Amino acid sequence: TLLLDKTGTITLGNRQAAEFLPVDGVDAATVADAA
């Protein structure tokens, strides 16, 4: 049995942006530009 910490072992340790989700009436490019 191997016990492994998640942070820094299985994951990179820092959360990273994965996706821009716009609300109705706004496109993803607009959200990305503002973000």
PDB file of all heavy atoms in Angstrom:
ATOM      1  N   THR A   1       0.838  -1.197   0.000  1.00  0.00           N
ATOM      2  CA  THR A   1       0.000   0.000   0.000  1.00  0.00           C
ATOM      3  C   THR A   1       0.871   1.244   0.000  1.00  0.00           C
ATOM      4  O   THR A   1       1.818   1.338   0.782  1.00  0.00           O
ATOM      5  CB  THR A   1      -0.920   0.035   1.232  1.00  0.00           C
ATOM      6  OG1 THR A   1      -1.710  -1.155   1.263  1.00  0.00           O
ATOM      7  CG2 THR A   1      -1.841   1.241   1.188  1.00  0.00           C
ATOM      8  N   LEU A   2       0.550   2.182  -0.901  1.00  0.00           N
ATOM      9  CA  LEU A   2       1.277   3.447  -0.996  1.00  0.00           C
ATOM     10  C   LEU A   2       0.342   4.576  -0.575  1.00  0.00           C
ATOM     11  O   LEU A   2      -0.745   4.731  -1.141  1.00  0.00           O
ATOM     12  CB  LEU A   2       1.729   3.678  -2.448  1.00  0.00           C
ATOM     13  CG  LEU A   2       3.226   3.822  -2.713  1.00  0.00           C
ATOM     14  CD1 LEU A   2       3.919   2.553  -2.291  1.00  0.00           C
ATOM     15  CD2 LEU A   2       3.486   4.081  -4.180  1.00  0.00           C
ATOM     16  N   LEU A   3       0.750   5.348   0.427  1.00  0.00           N
ATOM     17  CA  LEU A   3      -0.007   6.526   0.830  1.00  0.00           C
ATOM     18  C   LEU A   3       0.690   7.755   0.258  1.00  0.00           C
ATOM     19  O   LEU A   3       1.859   8.002   0.549  1.00  0.00           O
ATOM     20  CB  LEU A   3      -0.081   6.634   2.356  1.00  0.00           C
ATOM     21  CG  LEU A   3      -0.620   5.413   3.109  1.00  0.00           C
ATOM     22  CD1 LEU A   3      -0.759   5.733   4.585  1.00  0.00           C
ATOM     23  CD2 LEU A   3      -1.944   4.955   2.534  1.00  0.00           C
ATOM     24  N   LEU A   4      -0.034   8.522  -0.557  1.00  0.00           N
ATOM     25  CA  LEU A   4       0.565   9.646  -1.270  1.00  0.00           C
ATOM     26  C   LEU A   4      -0.222  10.920  -1.004  1.00  0.00           C
ATOM     27  O   LEU A   4      -1.451  10.939  -1.142  1.00  0.00           O
ATOM     28  CB  LEU A   4       0.576   9.370  -2.781  1.00  0.00           C
ATOM     29  CG  LEU A   4       1.346   8.123  -3.234  1.00  0.00           C
ATOM     30  CD1 LEU A   4       0.905   7.724  -4.625  1.00  0.00           C
ATOM     31  CD2 LEU A   4       2.832   8.389  -3.208  1.00  0.00           C
ATOM     32  N   ASP A   5       0.486  11.988  -0.617  1.00  0.00           N
ATOM     33  CA  ASP A   5      -0.165  13.285  -0.485  1.00  0.00           C
ATOM     34  C   ASP A   5      -0.611  13.766  -1.859  1.00  0.00           C
ATOM     35  O   ASP A   5       0.086  13.573  -2.858  1.00  0.00           O
ATOM     36  CB  ASP A   5       0.800  14.312   0.122  1.00  0.00           C
ATOM     37  CG  ASP A   5       0.858  14.193   1.638  1.00  0.00           C
ATOM     38  OD1 ASP A   5      -0.126  13.719   2.220  1.00  0.00           O
ATOM     39  OD2 ASP A   5       1.892  14.561   2.210  1.00  0.00           O
ATOM     40  N   LYS A   6      -1.767  14.427  -1.875  1.00  0.00           N
ATOM     41  CA  LYS A   6      -2.256  14.950  -3.153  1.00  0.00           C
ATOM     42  C   LYS A   6      -1.392  16.097  -3.640  1.00  0.00           C
ATOM     43  O   LYS A   6      -0.826  16.056  -4.732  1.00  0.00           O
ATOM     44  CB  LYS A   6      -3.700  15.425  -3.000  1.00  0.00           C
ATOM     45  CG  LYS A   6      -4.328  15.934  -4.296  1.00  0.00           C
ATOM     46  CD  LYS A   6      -5.476  16.873  -4.040  1.00  0.00           C
ATOM     47  CE  LYS A   6      -4.993  18.224  -3.556  1.00  0.00           C
ATOM     48  NZ  LYS A   6      -6.046  19.239  -3.443  1.00  0.00           N
ATOM     49  N   THR A   7      -1.256  17.131  -2.818  1.00  0.00           N
ATOM     50  CA  THR A   7      -0.585  18.360  -3.235  1.00  0.00           C
ATOM     51  C   THR A   7       0.910  18.136  -3.376  1.00  0.00           C
ATOM     52  O   THR A   7       1.571  17.705  -2.431  1.00  0.00           O
ATOM     53  CB  THR A   7      -0.849  19.489  -2.238  1.00  0.00           C
ATOM     54  OG1 THR A   7      -2.255  19.651  -2.081  1.00  0.00           O
ATOM     55  CG2 THR A   7      -0.232  20.784  -2.718  1.00  0.00           C
ATOM     56  N   GLY A   8       1.433  18.417  -4.558  1.00  0.00           N
ATOM     57  CA  GLY A   8       2.862  18.301  -4.804  1.00  0.00           C
ATOM     58  C   GLY A   8       3.297  16.907  -5.206  1.00  0.00           C
ATOM     59  O   GLY A   8       4.400  16.737  -5.725  1.00  0.00           O
ATOM     60  N   THR A   9       2.453  15.910  -4.968  1.00  0.00           N
ATOM     61  CA  THR A   9       2.804  14.538  -5.342  1.00  0.00           C
ATOM     62  C   THR A   9       1.985  14.107  -6.544  1.00  0.00           C
ATOM     63  O   THR A   9       2.521  13.759  -7.589  1.00  0.00           O
ATOM     64  CB  THR A   9       2.556  13.581  -4.159  1.00  0.00           C
ATOM     65  OG1 THR A   9       3.305  14.015  -3.037  1.00  0.00           O
ATOM     66  CG2 THR A   9       2.975  12.167  -4.524  1.00  0.00           C
ATOM     67  N   ILE A  10       0.669  14.139  -6.386  1.00  0.00           N
ATOM     68  CA  ILE A  10      -0.218  13.756  -7.481  1.00  0.00           C
ATOM     69  C   ILE A  10      -0.563  14.966  -8.346  1.00  0.00           C
ATOM     70  O   ILE A  10      -0.626  14.869  -9.570  1.00  0.00           O
ATOM     71  CB  ILE A  10      -1.490  13.096  -6.916  1.00  0.00           C
ATOM     72  CG1 ILE A  10      -1.111  11.782  -6.218  1.00  0.00           C
ATOM     73  CG2 ILE A  10      -2.511  12.846  -8.016  1.00  0.00           C
ATOM     74  CD1 ILE A  10      -2.257  11.110  -5.509  1.00  0.00           C
ATOM     75  N   THR A  11      -0.756  16.110  -7.704  1.00  0.00           N
ATOM     76  CA  THR A  11      -1.047  17.340  -8.446  1.00  0.00           C
ATOM     77  C   THR A  11       0.168  18.270  -8.405  1.00  0.00           C
ATOM     78  O   THR A  11       1.089  18.073  -7.623  1.00  0.00           O
ATOM     79  CB  THR A  11      -2.263  18.076  -7.848  1.00  0.00           C
ATOM     80  OG1 THR A  11      -1.938  18.514  -6.518  1.00  0.00           O
ATOM     81  CG2 THR A  11      -3.466  17.151  -7.792  1.00  0.00           C
ATOM     82  N   LEU A  12       0.130  19.291  -9.245  1.00  0.00           N
ATOM     83  CA  LEU A  12       1.255  20.221  -9.317  1.00  0.00           C
ATOM     84  C   LEU A  12       1.386  21.075  -8.064  1.00  0.00           C
ATOM     85  O   LEU A  12       2.441  21.634  -7.796  1.00  0.00           O
ATOM     86  CB  LEU A  12       1.103  21.133 -10.538  1.00  0.00           C
ATOM     87  CG  LEU A  12       1.214  20.442 -11.902  1.00  0.00           C
ATOM     88  CD1 LEU A  12       0.924  21.439 -13.017  1.00  0.00           C
ATOM     89  CD2 LEU A  12       2.594  19.826 -12.082  1.00  0.00           C
ATOM     90  N   GLY A  13       0.325  21.181  -7.296  1.00  0.00           N
ATOM     91  CA  GLY A  13       0.400  21.927  -6.041  1.00  0.00           C
ATOM     92  C   GLY A  13      -0.297  23.263  -6.096  1.00  0.00           C
ATOM     93  O   GLY A  13      -0.810  23.742  -5.092  1.00  0.00           O
ATOM     94  N   ASN A  14      -0.354  23.889  -7.261  1.00  0.00           N
ATOM     95  CA  ASN A  14      -1.052  25.160  -7.420  1.00  0.00           C
ATOM     96  C   ASN A  14      -2.224  24.964  -8.375  1.00  0.00           C
ATOM     97  O   ASN A  14      -2.076  24.334  -9.431  1.00  0.00           O
ATOM     98  CB  ASN A  14      -0.120  26.237  -7.985  1.00  0.00           C
ATOM     99  CG  ASN A  14       0.992  26.600  -7.018  1.00  0.00           C
ATOM    100  OD1 ASN A  14       0.758  26.772  -5.834  1.00  0.00           O
ATOM    101  ND2 ASN A  14       2.207  26.692  -7.538  1.00  0.00           N
ATOM    102  N   ARG A  15      -3.371  25.520  -8.021  1.00  0.00           N
ATOM    103  CA  ARG A  15      -4.521  25.434  -8.914  1.00  0.00           C
ATOM    104  C   ARG A  15      -4.247  26.264 -10.169  1.00  0.00           C
ATOM    105  O   ARG A  15      -3.621  27.318 -10.101  1.00  0.00           O
ATOM    106  CB  ARG A  15      -5.771  25.940  -8.207  1.00  0.00           C
ATOM    107  CG  ARG A  15      -6.197  25.086  -7.022  1.00  0.00           C
ATOM    108  CD  ARG A  15      -7.233  25.795  -6.190  1.00  0.00           C
ATOM    109  NE  ARG A  15      -6.705  27.051  -5.660  1.00  0.00           N
ATOM    110  CZ  ARG A  15      -7.429  27.947  -5.012  1.00  0.00           C
ATOM    111  NH1 ARG A  15      -8.716  27.735  -4.825  1.00  0.00           N
ATOM    112  NH2 ARG A  15      -6.885  29.054  -4.555  1.00  0.00           N
ATOM    113  N   GLN A  16      -4.750  25.783 -11.283  1.00  0.00           N
ATOM    114  CA  GLN A  16      -4.530  26.475 -12.548  1.00  0.00           C
ATOM    115  C   GLN A  16      -5.847  26.651 -13.281  1.00  0.00           C
ATOM    116  O   GLN A  16      -6.759  25.816 -13.172  1.00  0.00           O
ATOM    117  CB  GLN A  16      -3.544  25.695 -13.421  1.00  0.00           C
ATOM    118  CG  GLN A  16      -2.147  25.641 -12.838  1.00  0.00           C
ATOM    119  CD  GLN A  16      -1.139  25.058 -13.813  1.00  0.00           C
ATOM    120  OE1 GLN A  16      -1.477  24.707 -14.943  1.00  0.00           O
ATOM    121  NE2 GLN A  16       0.105  24.958 -13.392  1.00  0.00           N
ATOM    122  N   ALA A  17      -5.920  27.745 -14.029  1.00  0.00           N
ATOM    123  CA  ALA A  17      -7.128  28.015 -14.809  1.00  0.00           C
ATOM    124  C   ALA A  17      -7.260  26.974 -15.910  1.00  0.00           C
ATOM    125  O   ALA A  17      -6.311  26.682 -16.634  1.00  0.00           O
ATOM    126  CB  ALA A  17      -7.057  29.421 -15.403  1.00  0.00           C
ATOM    127  N   ALA A  18      -8.466  26.401 -16.036  1.00  0.00           N
ATOM    128  CA  ALA A  18      -8.681  25.344 -17.022  1.00  0.00           C
ATOM    129  C   ALA A  18      -9.713  25.719 -18.077  1.00  0.00           C
ATOM    130  O   ALA A  18      -9.687  25.178 -19.179  1.00  0.00           O
ATOM    131  CB  ALA A  18      -9.117  24.053 -16.315  1.00  0.00           C
ATOM    132  N   GLU A  19     -10.630  26.661 -17.747  1.00  0.00           N
ATOM    133  CA  GLU A  19     -11.731  26.929 -18.675  1.00  0.00           C
ATOM    134  C   GLU A  19     -12.395  28.260 -18.332  1.00  0.00           C
ATOM    135  O   GLU A  19     -12.479  28.641 -17.161  1.00  0.00           O
ATOM    136  CB  GLU A  19     -12.759  25.791 -18.568  1.00  0.00           C
ATOM    137  CG  GLU A  19     -13.847  25.810 -19.599  1.00  0.00           C
ATOM    138  CD  GLU A  19     -14.790  24.622 -19.457  1.00  0.00           C
ATOM    139  OE1 GLU A  19     -14.666  23.886 -18.446  1.00  0.00           O
ATOM    140  OE2 GLU A  19     -15.643  24.435 -20.330  1.00  0.00           O
ATOM    141  N   PHE A  20     -12.861  28.970 -19.389  1.00  0.00           N
ATOM    142  CA  PHE A  20     -13.664  30.184 -19.219  1.00  0.00           C
ATOM    143  C   PHE A  20     -15.117  29.838 -19.555  1.00  0.00           C
ATOM    144  O   PHE A  20     -15.402  29.372 -20.666  1.00  0.00           O
ATOM    145  CB  PHE A  20     -13.173  31.311 -20.135  1.00  0.00           C
ATOM    146  CG  PHE A  20     -11.767  31.764 -19.850  1.00  0.00           C
ATOM    147  CD1 PHE A  20     -10.747  31.512 -20.744  1.00  0.00           C
ATOM    148  CD2 PHE A  20     -11.468  32.445 -18.674  1.00  0.00           C
ATOM    149  CE1 PHE A  20      -9.453  31.933 -20.496  1.00  0.00           C
ATOM    150  CE2 PHE A  20     -10.174  32.871 -18.415  1.00  0.00           C
ATOM    151  CZ  PHE A  20      -9.158  32.603 -19.321  1.00  0.00           C
ATOM    152  N   LEU A  21     -16.023  30.055 -18.605  1.00  0.00           N
ATOM    153  CA  LEU A  21     -17.432  29.715 -18.800  1.00  0.00           C
ATOM    154  C   LEU A  21     -18.255  31.001 -18.803  1.00  0.00           C
ATOM    155  O   LEU A  21     -18.459  31.626 -17.749  1.00  0.00           O
ATOM    156  CB  LEU A  21     -17.906  28.785 -17.681  1.00  0.00           C
ATOM    157  CG  LEU A  21     -17.130  27.466 -17.542  1.00  0.00           C
ATOM    158  CD1 LEU A  21     -17.581  26.716 -16.303  1.00  0.00           C
ATOM    159  CD2 LEU A  21     -17.336  26.614 -18.793  1.00  0.00           C
ATOM    160  N   PRO A  22     -18.746  31.457 -19.960  1.00  0.00           N
ATOM    161  CA  PRO A  22     -19.496  32.722 -20.028  1.00  0.00           C
ATOM    162  C   PRO A  22     -20.963  32.533 -19.639  1.00  0.00           C
ATOM    163  O   PRO A  22     -21.503  31.423 -19.694  1.00  0.00           O
ATOM    164  CB  PRO A  22     -19.370  33.108 -21.498  1.00  0.00           C
ATOM    165  CG  PRO A  22     -19.267  31.785 -22.214  1.00  0.00           C
ATOM    166  CD  PRO A  22     -18.528  30.860 -21.281  1.00  0.00           C
ATOM    167  N   VAL A  23     -21.604  33.617 -19.226  1.00  0.00           N
ATOM    168  CA  VAL A  23     -23.051  33.597 -18.994  1.00  0.00           C
ATOM    169  C   VAL A  23     -23.742  33.893 -20.325  1.00  0.00           C
ATOM    170  O   VAL A  23     -23.098  34.261 -21.322  1.00  0.00           O
ATOM    171  CB  VAL A  23     -23.449  34.632 -17.922  1.00  0.00           C
ATOM    172  CG1 VAL A  23     -22.784  34.312 -16.600  1.00  0.00           C
ATOM    173  CG2 VAL A  23     -23.113  36.051 -18.374  1.00  0.00           C
ATOM    174  N   ASP A  24     -25.057  33.705 -20.354  1.00  0.00           N
ATOM    175  CA  ASP A  24     -25.808  33.963 -21.592  1.00  0.00           C
ATOM    176  C   ASP A  24     -25.612  35.402 -22.056  1.00  0.00           C
ATOM    177  O   ASP A  24     -25.631  36.350 -21.254  1.00  0.00           O
ATOM    178  CB  ASP A  24     -27.301  33.713 -21.359  1.00  0.00           C
ATOM    179  CG  ASP A  24     -27.614  32.225 -21.260  1.00  0.00           C
ATOM    180  OD1 ASP A  24     -26.767  31.419 -21.700  1.00  0.00           O
ATOM    181  OD2 ASP A  24     -28.685  31.885 -20.723  1.00  0.00           O
ATOM    182  N   GLY A  25     -25.402  35.536 -23.355  1.00  0.00           N
ATOM    183  CA  GLY A  25     -25.228  36.860 -23.925  1.00  0.00           C
ATOM    184  C   GLY A  25     -23.786  37.319 -23.973  1.00  0.00           C
ATOM    185  O   GLY A  25     -23.497  38.407 -24.487  1.00  0.00           O
ATOM    186  N   VAL A  26     -22.860  36.535 -23.442  1.00  0.00           N
ATOM    187  CA  VAL A  26     -21.434  36.877 -23.445  1.00  0.00           C
ATOM    188  C   VAL A  26     -20.669  35.707 -24.055  1.00  0.00           C
ATOM    189  O   VAL A  26     -20.967  34.542 -23.771  1.00  0.00           O
ATOM    190  CB  VAL A  26     -20.920  37.154 -22.018  1.00  0.00           C
ATOM    191  CG1 VAL A  26     -19.441  37.522 -22.028  1.00  0.00           C
ATOM    192  CG2 VAL A  26     -21.742  38.250 -21.356  1.00  0.00           C
ATOM    193  N   ASP A  27     -19.715  36.008 -24.923  1.00  0.00           N
ATOM    194  CA  ASP A  27     -18.929  34.893 -25.474  1.00  0.00           C
ATOM    195  C   ASP A  27     -17.682  34.651 -24.633  1.00  0.00           C
ATOM    196  O   ASP A  27     -17.256  35.502 -23.839  1.00  0.00           O
ATOM    197  CB  ASP A  27     -18.559  35.141 -26.939  1.00  0.00           C
ATOM    198  CG  ASP A  27     -17.759  36.413 -27.155  1.00  0.00           C
ATOM    199  OD1 ASP A  27     -16.965  36.785 -26.254  1.00  0.00           O
ATOM    200  OD2 ASP A  27     -17.916  37.044 -28.203  1.00  0.00           O
ATOM    201  N   ALA A  28     -17.076  33.470 -24.820  1.00  0.00           N
ATOM    202  CA  ALA A  28     -15.920  33.063 -24.015  1.00  0.00           C
ATOM    203  C   ALA A  28     -14.733  33.984 -24.236  1.00  0.00           C
ATOM    204  O   ALA A  28     -13.946  34.235 -23.309  1.00  0.00           O
ATOM    205  CB  ALA A  28     -15.528  31.611 -24.343  1.00  0.00           C
ATOM    206  N   ALA A  29     -14.566  34.523 -25.452  1.00  0.00           N
ATOM    207  CA  ALA A  29     -13.439  35.410 -25.737  1.00  0.00           C
ATOM    208  C   ALA A  29     -13.538  36.688 -24.910  1.00  0.00           C
ATOM    209  O   ALA A  29     -12.523  37.221 -24.442  1.00  0.00           O
ATOM    210  CB  ALA A  29     -13.394  35.739 -27.224  1.00  0.00           C
ATOM    211  N   THR A  30     -14.750  37.189 -24.730  1.00  0.00           N
ATOM    212  CA  THR A  30     -14.941  38.395 -23.919  1.00  0.00           C
ATOM    213  C   THR A  30     -14.573  38.121 -22.465  1.00  0.00           C
ATOM    214  O   THR A  30     -13.927  38.944 -21.802  1.00  0.00           O
ATOM    215  CB  THR A  30     -16.396  38.874 -24.016  1.00  0.00           C
ATOM    216  OG1 THR A  30     -16.706  39.172 -25.377  1.00  0.00           O
ATOM    217  CG2 THR A  30     -16.622  40.114 -23.158  1.00  0.00           C
ATOM    218  N   VAL A  31     -14.993  36.963 -21.956  1.00  0.00           N
ATOM    219  CA  VAL A  31     -14.645  36.584 -20.587  1.00  0.00           C
ATOM    220  C   VAL A  31     -13.128  36.451 -20.451  1.00  0.00           C
ATOM    221  O   VAL A  31     -12.532  36.924 -19.470  1.00  0.00           O
ATOM    222  CB  VAL A  31     -15.336  35.267 -20.188  1.00  0.00           C
ATOM    223  CG1 VAL A  31     -14.910  34.840 -18.780  1.00  0.00           C
ATOM    224  CG2 VAL A  31     -16.839  35.407 -20.267  1.00  0.00           C
ATOM    225  N   ALA A  32     -12.488  35.819 -21.444  1.00  0.00           N
ATOM    226  CA  ALA A  32     -11.041  35.630 -21.392  1.00  0.00           C
ATOM    227  C   ALA A  32     -10.305  36.963 -21.390  1.00  0.00           C
ATOM    228  O   ALA A  32      -9.330  37.162 -20.645  1.00  0.00           O
ATOM    229  CB  ALA A  32     -10.582  34.776 -22.569  1.00  0.00           C
ATOM    230  N   ASP A  33     -10.777  37.917 -22.226  1.00  0.00           N
ATOM    231  CA  ASP A  33     -10.129  39.232 -22.292  1.00  0.00           C
ATOM    232  C   ASP A  33     -10.256  39.961 -20.953  1.00  0.00           C
ATOM    233  O   ASP A  33      -9.277  40.518 -20.436  1.00  0.00           O
ATOM    234  CB  ASP A  33     -10.764  40.053 -23.407  1.00  0.00           C
ATOM    235  CG  ASP A  33     -10.119  41.432 -23.538  1.00  0.00           C
ATOM    236  OD1 ASP A  33      -8.967  41.502 -24.015  1.00  0.00           O
ATOM    237  OD2 ASP A  33     -10.769  42.418 -23.131  1.00  0.00           O
ATOM    238  N   ALA A  34     -11.449  39.942 -20.379  1.00  0.00           N
ATOM    239  CA  ALA A  34     -11.659  40.616 -19.094  1.00  0.00           C
ATOM    240  C   ALA A  34     -10.877  39.920 -17.982  1.00  0.00           C
ATOM    241  O   ALA A  34     -10.299  40.573 -17.099  1.00  0.00           O
ATOM    242  CB  ALA A  34     -13.145  40.626 -18.756  1.00  0.00           C
ATOM    243  N   ALA A  35     -10.842  38.576 -18.027  1.00  0.00           N
ATOM    244  CA  ALA A  35     -10.123  37.818 -16.999  1.00  0.00           C
ATOM    245  C   ALA A  35      -8.630  38.108 -17.065  1.00  0.00           C
ATOM    246  O   ALA A  35      -7.965  38.262 -16.030  1.00  0.00           O
ATOM    247  CB  ALA A  35     -10.385  36.329 -17.175  1.00  0.00           C
TER     248      ALA A  35
END
